[in-house]
Amino acid sequence: MGRTNPTYRDTLTAVESRWSAYRRALRRRDQPHFDAVFGHGRAHADAAGQLNHAEPLFPLLVSALVEQERRIAELEAALDPDAVQD
């Protein structure tokens, strides 16, 4: 018996393909940042796959937010090494 839904990784690849015209229209300096958002989505694909959300952009955006939160916490800790980090 096969899967009834495509994997989240396959869905994410399809979403990224649909957004390729948008990426091409971005300024070159912004294209790597756009790519990084999808990289964050791939990094959290296991969690997103468990969610099996009807709209694949929501888990992608939450994945990007989680990564940004982590990076902000790391930068804050580097600025203030005495701060307690979770």
PDB file of N, CA and C in Angstrom:
ATOM      1  N   MET A   1       0.830  -1.168   0.000  1.00  0.00           N
ATOM      2  CA  MET A   1       0.000   0.000   0.000  1.00  0.00           C
ATOM      3  C   MET A   1       0.884   1.243   0.000  1.00  0.00           C
ATOM      4  N   GLY A   2       0.587   2.206  -0.843  1.00  0.00           N
ATOM      5  CA  GLY A   2       1.394   3.407  -0.962  1.00  0.00           C
ATOM      6  C   GLY A   2       0.946   4.515  -0.028  1.00  0.00           C
ATOM      7  N   ARG A   3       1.718   5.570  -0.018  1.00  0.00           N
ATOM      8  CA  ARG A   3       1.383   6.740   0.795  1.00  0.00           C
ATOM      9  C   ARG A   3       0.231   7.493   0.150  1.00  0.00           C
ATOM     10  N   THR A   4      -0.625   8.059   0.982  1.00  0.00           N
ATOM     11  CA  THR A   4      -1.731   8.846   0.447  1.00  0.00           C
ATOM     12  C   THR A   4      -1.331  10.293   0.203  1.00  0.00           C
ATOM     13  N   ASN A   5      -0.287  10.743   0.887  1.00  0.00           N
ATOM     14  CA  ASN A   5       0.194  12.117   0.732  1.00  0.00           C
ATOM     15  C   ASN A   5       1.666  12.095   0.334  1.00  0.00           C
ATOM     16  N   PRO A   6       2.094  13.071  -0.475  1.00  0.00           N
ATOM     17  CA  PRO A   6       3.530  13.155  -0.754  1.00  0.00           C
ATOM     18  C   PRO A   6       4.285  13.530   0.523  1.00  0.00           C
ATOM     19  N   THR A   7       5.551  13.201   0.579  1.00  0.00           N
ATOM     20  CA  THR A   7       6.342  13.574   1.751  1.00  0.00           C
ATOM     21  C   THR A   7       6.450  15.089   1.818  1.00  0.00           C
ATOM     22  N   TYR A   8       6.744  15.603   3.011  1.00  0.00           N
ATOM     23  CA  TYR A   8       6.888  17.051   3.147  1.00  0.00           C
ATOM     24  C   TYR A   8       8.066  17.549   2.314  1.00  0.00           C
ATOM     25  N   ARG A   9       9.130  16.767   2.248  1.00  0.00           N
ATOM     26  CA  ARG A   9      10.286  17.181   1.439  1.00  0.00           C
ATOM     27  C   ARG A   9       9.899  17.326  -0.028  1.00  0.00           C
ATOM     28  N   ASP A  10       9.095  16.392  -0.541  1.00  0.00           N
ATOM     29  CA  ASP A  10       8.630  16.500  -1.928  1.00  0.00           C
ATOM     30  C   ASP A  10       7.734  17.718  -2.109  1.00  0.00           C
ATOM     31  N   THR A  11       6.850  17.944  -1.153  1.00  0.00           N
ATOM     32  CA  THR A  11       5.957  19.104  -1.213  1.00  0.00           C
ATOM     33  C   THR A  11       6.752  20.396  -1.165  1.00  0.00           C
ATOM     34  N   LEU A  12       7.769  20.452  -0.301  1.00  0.00           N
ATOM     35  CA  LEU A  12       8.604  21.643  -0.184  1.00  0.00           C
ATOM     36  C   LEU A  12       9.352  21.918  -1.485  1.00  0.00           C
ATOM     37  N   THR A  13       9.842  20.880  -2.128  1.00  0.00           N
ATOM     38  CA  THR A  13      10.510  21.042  -3.422  1.00  0.00           C
ATOM     39  C   THR A  13       9.539  21.614  -4.455  1.00  0.00           C
ATOM     40  N   ALA A  14       8.295  21.137  -4.448  1.00  0.00           N
ATOM     41  CA  ALA A  14       7.293  21.648  -5.381  1.00  0.00           C
ATOM     42  C   ALA A  14       6.976  23.118  -5.100  1.00  0.00           C
ATOM     43  N   VAL A  15       6.869  23.474  -3.822  1.00  0.00           N
ATOM     44  CA  VAL A  15       6.609  24.877  -3.459  1.00  0.00           C
ATOM     45  C   VAL A  15       7.766  25.753  -3.927  1.00  0.00           C
ATOM     46  N   GLU A  16       8.971  25.302  -3.685  1.00  0.00           N
ATOM     47  CA  GLU A  16      10.151  26.074  -4.096  1.00  0.00           C
ATOM     48  C   GLU A  16      10.165  26.265  -5.608  1.00  0.00           C
ATOM     49  N   SER A  17       9.770  25.266  -6.349  1.00  0.00           N
ATOM     50  CA  SER A  17       9.701  25.383  -7.808  1.00  0.00           C
ATOM     51  C   SER A  17       8.663  26.419  -8.230  1.00  0.00           C
ATOM     52  N   ARG A  18       7.516  26.421  -7.542  1.00  0.00           N
ATOM     53  CA  ARG A  18       6.469  27.393  -7.872  1.00  0.00           C
ATOM     54  C   ARG A  18       6.909  28.819  -7.582  1.00  0.00           C
ATOM     55  N   TRP A  19       7.818  28.999  -6.650  1.00  0.00           N
ATOM     56  CA  TRP A  19       8.306  30.325  -6.284  1.00  0.00           C
ATOM     57  C   TRP A  19       9.573  30.720  -7.053  1.00  0.00           C
ATOM     58  N   SER A  20       9.963  29.938  -8.037  1.00  0.00           N
ATOM     59  CA  SER A  20      11.216  30.216  -8.750  1.00  0.00           C
ATOM     60  C   SER A  20      11.179  31.542  -9.511  1.00  0.00           C
ATOM     61  N   ALA A  21      10.032  31.917 -10.055  1.00  0.00           N
ATOM     62  CA  ALA A  21       9.947  33.208 -10.767  1.00  0.00           C
ATOM     63  C   ALA A  21      10.147  34.362  -9.779  1.00  0.00           C
ATOM     64  N   TYR A  22       9.586  34.228  -8.595  1.00  0.00           N
ATOM     65  CA  TYR A  22       9.773  35.244  -7.555  1.00  0.00           C
ATOM     66  C   TYR A  22      11.258  35.358  -7.197  1.00  0.00           C
ATOM     67  N   ARG A  23      11.906  34.203  -7.027  1.00  0.00           N
ATOM     68  CA  ARG A  23      13.328  34.203  -6.691  1.00  0.00           C
ATOM     69  C   ARG A  23      14.151  34.905  -7.766  1.00  0.00           C
ATOM     70  N   ARG A  24      13.852  34.599  -9.033  1.00  0.00           N
ATOM     71  CA  ARG A  24      14.590  35.233 -10.128  1.00  0.00           C
ATOM     72  C   ARG A  24      14.384  36.741 -10.146  1.00  0.00           C
ATOM     73  N   ALA A  25      13.218  37.211  -9.705  1.00  0.00           N
ATOM     74  CA  ALA A  25      12.924  38.644  -9.701  1.00  0.00           C
ATOM     75  C   ALA A  25      13.577  39.371  -8.528  1.00  0.00           C
ATOM     76  N   LEU A  26      13.993  38.617  -7.515  1.00  0.00           N
ATOM     77  CA  LEU A  26      14.676  39.247  -6.381  1.00  0.00           C
ATOM     78  C   LEU A  26      16.036  39.785  -6.811  1.00  0.00           C
ATOM     79  N   ARG A  27      16.506  40.761  -6.095  1.00  0.00           N
ATOM     80  CA  ARG A  27      17.874  41.241  -6.327  1.00  0.00           C
ATOM     81  C   ARG A  27      18.839  40.127  -5.960  1.00  0.00           C
ATOM     82  N   ARG A  28      19.947  40.114  -6.647  1.00  0.00           N
ATOM     83  CA  ARG A  28      20.925  39.033  -6.422  1.00  0.00           C
ATOM     84  C   ARG A  28      21.337  38.928  -4.961  1.00  0.00           C
ATOM     85  N   ARG A  29      21.446  40.048  -4.285  1.00  0.00           N
ATOM     86  CA  ARG A  29      21.876  40.014  -2.872  1.00  0.00           C
ATOM     87  C   ARG A  29      20.831  39.354  -1.978  1.00  0.00           C
ATOM     88  N   ASP A  30      19.566  39.320  -2.412  1.00  0.00           N
ATOM     89  CA  ASP A  30      18.501  38.723  -1.608  1.00  0.00           C
ATOM     90  C   ASP A  30      18.246  37.254  -1.943  1.00  0.00           C
ATOM     91  N   GLN A  31      18.718  36.801  -3.079  1.00  0.00           N
ATOM     92  CA  GLN A  31      18.469  35.417  -3.483  1.00  0.00           C
ATOM     93  C   GLN A  31      19.035  34.388  -2.504  1.00  0.00           C
ATOM     94  N   PRO A  32      20.248  34.585  -1.972  1.00  0.00           N
ATOM     95  CA  PRO A  32      20.748  33.610  -0.986  1.00  0.00           C
ATOM     96  C   PRO A  32      19.885  33.558   0.282  1.00  0.00           C
ATOM     97  N   HIS A  33      19.293  34.687   0.654  1.00  0.00           N
ATOM     98  CA  HIS A  33      18.430  34.708   1.832  1.00  0.00           C
ATOM     99  C   HIS A  33      17.128  33.962   1.556  1.00  0.00           C
ATOM    100  N   PHE A  34      16.611  34.124   0.362  1.00  0.00           N
ATOM    101  CA  PHE A  34      15.428  33.363  -0.049  1.00  0.00           C
ATOM    102  C   PHE A  34      15.742  31.869  -0.001  1.00  0.00           C
ATOM    103  N   ASP A  35      16.888  31.498  -0.535  1.00  0.00           N
ATOM    104  CA  ASP A  35      17.302  30.090  -0.522  1.00  0.00           C
ATOM    105  C   ASP A  35      17.452  29.577   0.908  1.00  0.00           C
ATOM    106  N   ALA A  36      17.929  30.434   1.800  1.00  0.00           N
ATOM    107  CA  ALA A  36      18.117  30.028   3.193  1.00  0.00           C
ATOM    108  C   ALA A  36      16.784  29.695   3.859  1.00  0.00           C
ATOM    109  N   VAL A  37      15.719  30.426   3.503  1.00  0.00           N
ATOM    110  CA  VAL A  37      14.398  30.124   4.078  1.00  0.00           C
ATOM    111  C   VAL A  37      14.003  28.692   3.731  1.00  0.00           C
ATOM    112  N   PHE A  38      14.200  28.294   2.481  1.00  0.00           N
ATOM    113  CA  PHE A  38      13.870  26.922   2.093  1.00  0.00           C
ATOM    114  C   PHE A  38      14.847  25.929   2.724  1.00  0.00           C
ATOM    115  N   GLY A  39      16.080  26.353   2.944  1.00  0.00           N
ATOM    116  CA  GLY A  39      17.032  25.506   3.666  1.00  0.00           C
ATOM    117  C   GLY A  39      16.567  25.249   5.091  1.00  0.00           C
ATOM    118  N   HIS A  40      16.021  26.273   5.735  1.00  0.00           N
ATOM    119  CA  HIS A  40      15.470  26.099   7.083  1.00  0.00           C
ATOM    120  C   HIS A  40      14.293  25.136   7.046  1.00  0.00           C
ATOM    121  N   GLY A  41      13.481  25.252   6.008  1.00  0.00           N
ATOM    122  CA  GLY A  41      12.353  24.329   5.858  1.00  0.00           C
ATOM    123  C   GLY A  41      12.818  22.890   5.726  1.00  0.00           C
ATOM    124  N   ARG A  42      13.868  22.680   4.938  1.00  0.00           N
ATOM    125  CA  ARG A  42      14.406  21.326   4.788  1.00  0.00           C
ATOM    126  C   ARG A  42      15.022  20.822   6.085  1.00  0.00           C
ATOM    127  N   ALA A  43      15.645  21.729   6.857  1.00  0.00           N
ATOM    128  CA  ALA A  43      16.272  21.338   8.119  1.00  0.00           C
ATOM    129  C   ALA A  43      15.233  20.877   9.147  1.00  0.00           C
ATOM    130  N   HIS A  44      14.014  21.372   9.021  1.00  0.00           N
ATOM    131  CA  HIS A  44      12.947  21.024   9.962  1.00  0.00           C
ATOM    132  C   HIS A  44      11.867  20.184   9.295  1.00  0.00           C
ATOM    133  N   ALA A  45      12.217  19.514   8.211  1.00  0.00           N
ATOM    134  CA  ALA A  45      11.232  18.731   7.459  1.00  0.00           C
ATOM    135  C   ALA A  45      10.663  17.572   8.264  1.00  0.00           C
ATOM    136  N   ASP A  46      11.454  17.002   9.168  1.00  0.00           N
ATOM    137  CA  ASP A  46      10.936  15.891   9.979  1.00  0.00           C
ATOM    138  C   ASP A  46       9.758  16.360  10.840  1.00  0.00           C
ATOM    139  N   ALA A  47       9.920  17.503  11.490  1.00  0.00           N
ATOM    140  CA  ALA A  47       8.834  18.037  12.321  1.00  0.00           C
ATOM    141  C   ALA A  47       7.652  18.450  11.458  1.00  0.00           C
ATOM    142  N   ALA A  48       7.916  19.090  10.339  1.00  0.00           N
ATOM    143  CA  ALA A  48       6.841  19.535   9.447  1.00  0.00           C
ATOM    144  C   ALA A  48       6.080  18.348   8.866  1.00  0.00           C
ATOM    145  N   GLY A  49       6.787  17.277   8.585  1.00  0.00           N
ATOM    146  CA  GLY A  49       6.136  16.079   8.067  1.00  0.00           C
ATOM    147  C   GLY A  49       5.191  15.458   9.069  1.00  0.00           C
ATOM    148  N   GLN A  50       5.525  15.555  10.356  1.00  0.00           N
ATOM    149  CA  GLN A  50       4.638  15.047  11.403  1.00  0.00           C
ATOM    150  C   GLN A  50       3.357  15.866  11.490  1.00  0.00           C
ATOM    151  N   LEU A  51       3.472  17.146  11.179  1.00  0.00           N
ATOM    152  CA  LEU A  51       2.310  18.034  11.235  1.00  0.00           C
ATOM    153  C   LEU A  51       1.323  17.727  10.115  1.00  0.00           C
ATOM    154  N   ASN A  52       1.843  17.424   8.929  1.00  0.00           N
ATOM    155  CA  ASN A  52       1.013  17.120   7.759  1.00  0.00           C
ATOM    156  C   ASN A  52      -0.042  18.200   7.533  1.00  0.00           C
ATOM    157  N   HIS A  53       0.398  19.455   7.559  1.00  0.00           N
ATOM    158  CA  HIS A  53      -0.490  20.610   7.412  1.00  0.00           C
ATOM    159  C   HIS A  53      -0.990  20.724   5.978  1.00  0.00           C
ATOM    160  N   ALA A  54      -2.217  21.173   5.820  1.00  0.00           N
ATOM    161  CA  ALA A  54      -2.811  21.313   4.484  1.00  0.00           C
ATOM    162  C   ALA A  54      -2.108  22.394   3.662  1.00  0.00           C
ATOM    163  N   GLU A  55      -1.541  23.398   4.328  1.00  0.00           N
ATOM    164  CA  GLU A  55      -0.845  24.488   3.639  1.00  0.00           C
ATOM    165  C   GLU A  55       0.647  24.392   3.951  1.00  0.00           C
ATOM    166  N   PRO A  56       1.465  23.951   2.993  1.00  0.00           N
ATOM    167  CA  PRO A  56       2.882  23.714   3.279  1.00  0.00           C
ATOM    168  C   PRO A  56       3.689  24.973   3.578  1.00  0.00           C
ATOM    169  N   LEU A  57       3.155  26.147   3.267  1.00  0.00           N
ATOM    170  CA  LEU A  57       3.904  27.366   3.570  1.00  0.00           C
ATOM    171  C   LEU A  57       3.961  27.639   5.072  1.00  0.00           C
ATOM    172  N   PHE A  58       2.930  27.244   5.823  1.00  0.00           N
ATOM    173  CA  PHE A  58       2.927  27.518   7.260  1.00  0.00           C
ATOM    174  C   PHE A  58       4.079  26.824   7.980  1.00  0.00           C
ATOM    175  N   PRO A  59       4.285  25.516   7.803  1.00  0.00           N
ATOM    176  CA  PRO A  59       5.430  24.900   8.472  1.00  0.00           C
ATOM    177  C   PRO A  59       6.771  25.453   7.966  1.00  0.00           C
ATOM    178  N   LEU A  60       6.819  25.847   6.693  1.00  0.00           N
ATOM    179  CA  LEU A  60       8.048  26.453   6.154  1.00  0.00           C
ATOM    180  C   LEU A  60       8.361  27.749   6.894  1.00  0.00           C
ATOM    181  N   LEU A  61       7.356  28.593   7.055  1.00  0.00           N
ATOM    182  CA  LEU A  61       7.569  29.874   7.729  1.00  0.00           C
ATOM    183  C   LEU A  61       7.891  29.688   9.209  1.00  0.00           C
ATOM    184  N   VAL A  62       7.235  28.749   9.865  1.00  0.00           N
ATOM    185  CA  VAL A  62       7.549  28.494  11.277  1.00  0.00           C
ATOM    186  C   VAL A  62       8.972  27.950  11.400  1.00  0.00           C
ATOM    187  N   SER A  63       9.393  27.112  10.470  1.00  0.00           N
ATOM    188  CA  SER A  63      10.771  26.601  10.481  1.00  0.00           C
ATOM    189  C   SER A  63      11.766  27.743  10.364  1.00  0.00           C
ATOM    190  N   ALA A  64      11.488  28.696   9.473  1.00  0.00           N
ATOM    191  CA  ALA A  64      12.371  29.850   9.312  1.00  0.00           C
ATOM    192  C   ALA A  64      12.386  30.686  10.588  1.00  0.00           C
ATOM    193  N   LEU A  65      11.225  30.855  11.214  1.00  0.00           N
ATOM    194  CA  LEU A  65      11.166  31.614  12.465  1.00  0.00           C
ATOM    195  C   LEU A  65      11.945  30.926  13.581  1.00  0.00           C
ATOM    196  N   VAL A  66      11.844  29.614  13.675  1.00  0.00           N
ATOM    197  CA  VAL A  66      12.590  28.874  14.696  1.00  0.00           C
ATOM    198  C   VAL A  66      14.091  29.079  14.493  1.00  0.00           C
ATOM    199  N   GLU A  67      14.541  28.979  13.253  1.00  0.00           N
ATOM    200  CA  GLU A  67      15.966  29.176  12.971  1.00  0.00           C
ATOM    201  C   GLU A  67      16.402  30.602  13.290  1.00  0.00           C
ATOM    202  N   GLN A  68      15.580  31.582  12.949  1.00  0.00           N
ATOM    203  CA  GLN A  68      15.933  32.972  13.255  1.00  0.00           C
ATOM    204  C   GLN A  68      15.981  33.204  14.762  1.00  0.00           C
ATOM    205  N   GLU A  69      15.033  32.628  15.492  1.00  0.00           N
ATOM    206  CA  GLU A  69      15.034  32.750  16.955  1.00  0.00           C
ATOM    207  C   GLU A  69      16.307  32.163  17.540  1.00  0.00           C
ATOM    208  N   ARG A  70      16.693  30.987  17.031  1.00  0.00           N
ATOM    209  CA  ARG A  70      17.919  30.339  17.514  1.00  0.00           C
ATOM    210  C   ARG A  70      19.132  31.210  17.242  1.00  0.00           C
ATOM    211  N   ARG A  71      19.197  31.776  16.040  1.00  0.00           N
ATOM    212  CA  ARG A  71      20.351  32.616  15.688  1.00  0.00           C
ATOM    213  C   ARG A  71      20.383  33.894  16.509  1.00  0.00           C
ATOM    214  N   ILE A  72      19.219  34.482  16.774  1.00  0.00           N
ATOM    215  CA  ILE A  72      19.167  35.681  17.614  1.00  0.00           C
ATOM    216  C   ILE A  72      19.672  35.355  19.018  1.00  0.00           C
ATOM    217  N   ALA A  73      19.234  34.222  19.558  1.00  0.00           N
ATOM    218  CA  ALA A  73      19.682  33.816  20.892  1.00  0.00           C
ATOM    219  C   ALA A  73      21.197  33.607  20.921  1.00  0.00           C
ATOM    220  N   GLU A  74      21.729  32.998  19.865  1.00  0.00           N
ATOM    221  CA  GLU A  74      23.188  32.791  19.800  1.00  0.00           C
ATOM    222  C   GLU A  74      23.921  34.126  19.737  1.00  0.00           C
ATOM    223  N   LEU A  75      23.415  35.068  18.959  1.00  0.00           N
ATOM    224  CA  LEU A  75      24.058  36.386  18.857  1.00  0.00           C
ATOM    225  C   LEU A  75      23.969  37.148  20.178  1.00  0.00           C
ATOM    226  N   GLU A  76      22.817  37.064  20.832  1.00  0.00           N
ATOM    227  CA  GLU A  76      22.670  37.722  22.136  1.00  0.00           C
ATOM    228  C   GLU A  76      23.624  37.113  23.155  1.00  0.00           C
ATOM    229  N   ALA A  77      23.772  35.801  23.122  1.00  0.00           N
ATOM    230  CA  ALA A  77      24.695  35.139  24.046  1.00  0.00           C
ATOM    231  C   ALA A  77      26.138  35.548  23.759  1.00  0.00           C
ATOM    232  N   ALA A  78      26.468  35.747  22.490  1.00  0.00           N
ATOM    233  CA  ALA A  78      27.829  36.174  22.140  1.00  0.00           C
ATOM    234  C   ALA A  78      28.090  37.591  22.626  1.00  0.00           C
ATOM    235  N   LEU A  79      27.055  38.417  22.627  1.00  0.00           N
ATOM    236  CA  LEU A  79      27.217  39.799  23.117  1.00  0.00           C
ATOM    237  C   LEU A  79      27.277  39.854  24.633  1.00  0.00           C
ATOM    238  N   ASP A  80      26.541  38.963  25.291  1.00  0.00           N
ATOM    239  CA  ASP A  80      26.499  38.939  26.757  1.00  0.00           C
ATOM    240  C   ASP A  80      26.700  37.496  27.215  1.00  0.00           C
ATOM    241  N   PRO A  81      27.961  37.062  27.361  1.00  0.00           N
ATOM    242  CA  PRO A  81      28.235  35.675  27.725  1.00  0.00           C
ATOM    243  C   PRO A  81      27.690  35.269  29.094  1.00  0.00           C
ATOM    244  N   ASP A  82      27.363  36.247  29.952  1.00  0.00           N
ATOM    245  CA  ASP A  82      26.846  35.936  31.280  1.00  0.00           C
ATOM    246  C   ASP A  82      25.345  35.635  31.253  1.00  0.00           C
ATOM    247  N   ALA A  83      24.695  35.918  30.133  1.00  0.00           N
ATOM    248  CA  ALA A  83      23.248  35.679  30.024  1.00  0.00           C
ATOM    249  C   ALA A  83      22.980  34.174  30.006  1.00  0.00           C
ATOM    250  N   VAL A  84      21.884  33.789  30.586  1.00  0.00           N
ATOM    251  CA  VAL A  84      21.479  32.390  30.611  1.00  0.00           C
ATOM    252  C   VAL A  84      20.785  32.073  29.305  1.00  0.00           C
ATOM    253  N   GLN A  85      21.200  30.957  28.685  1.00  0.00           N
ATOM    254  CA  GLN A  85      20.623  30.545  27.401  1.00  0.00           C
ATOM    255  C   GLN A  85      19.857  29.252  27.591  1.00  0.00           C
ATOM    256  N   ASP A  86      18.676  29.158  26.979  1.00  0.00           N
ATOM    257  CA  ASP A  86      17.859  27.932  27.058  1.00  0.00           C
ATOM    258  C   ASP A  86      18.389  26.880  26.146  1.00  0.00           C
TER     259      ASP A  86
END
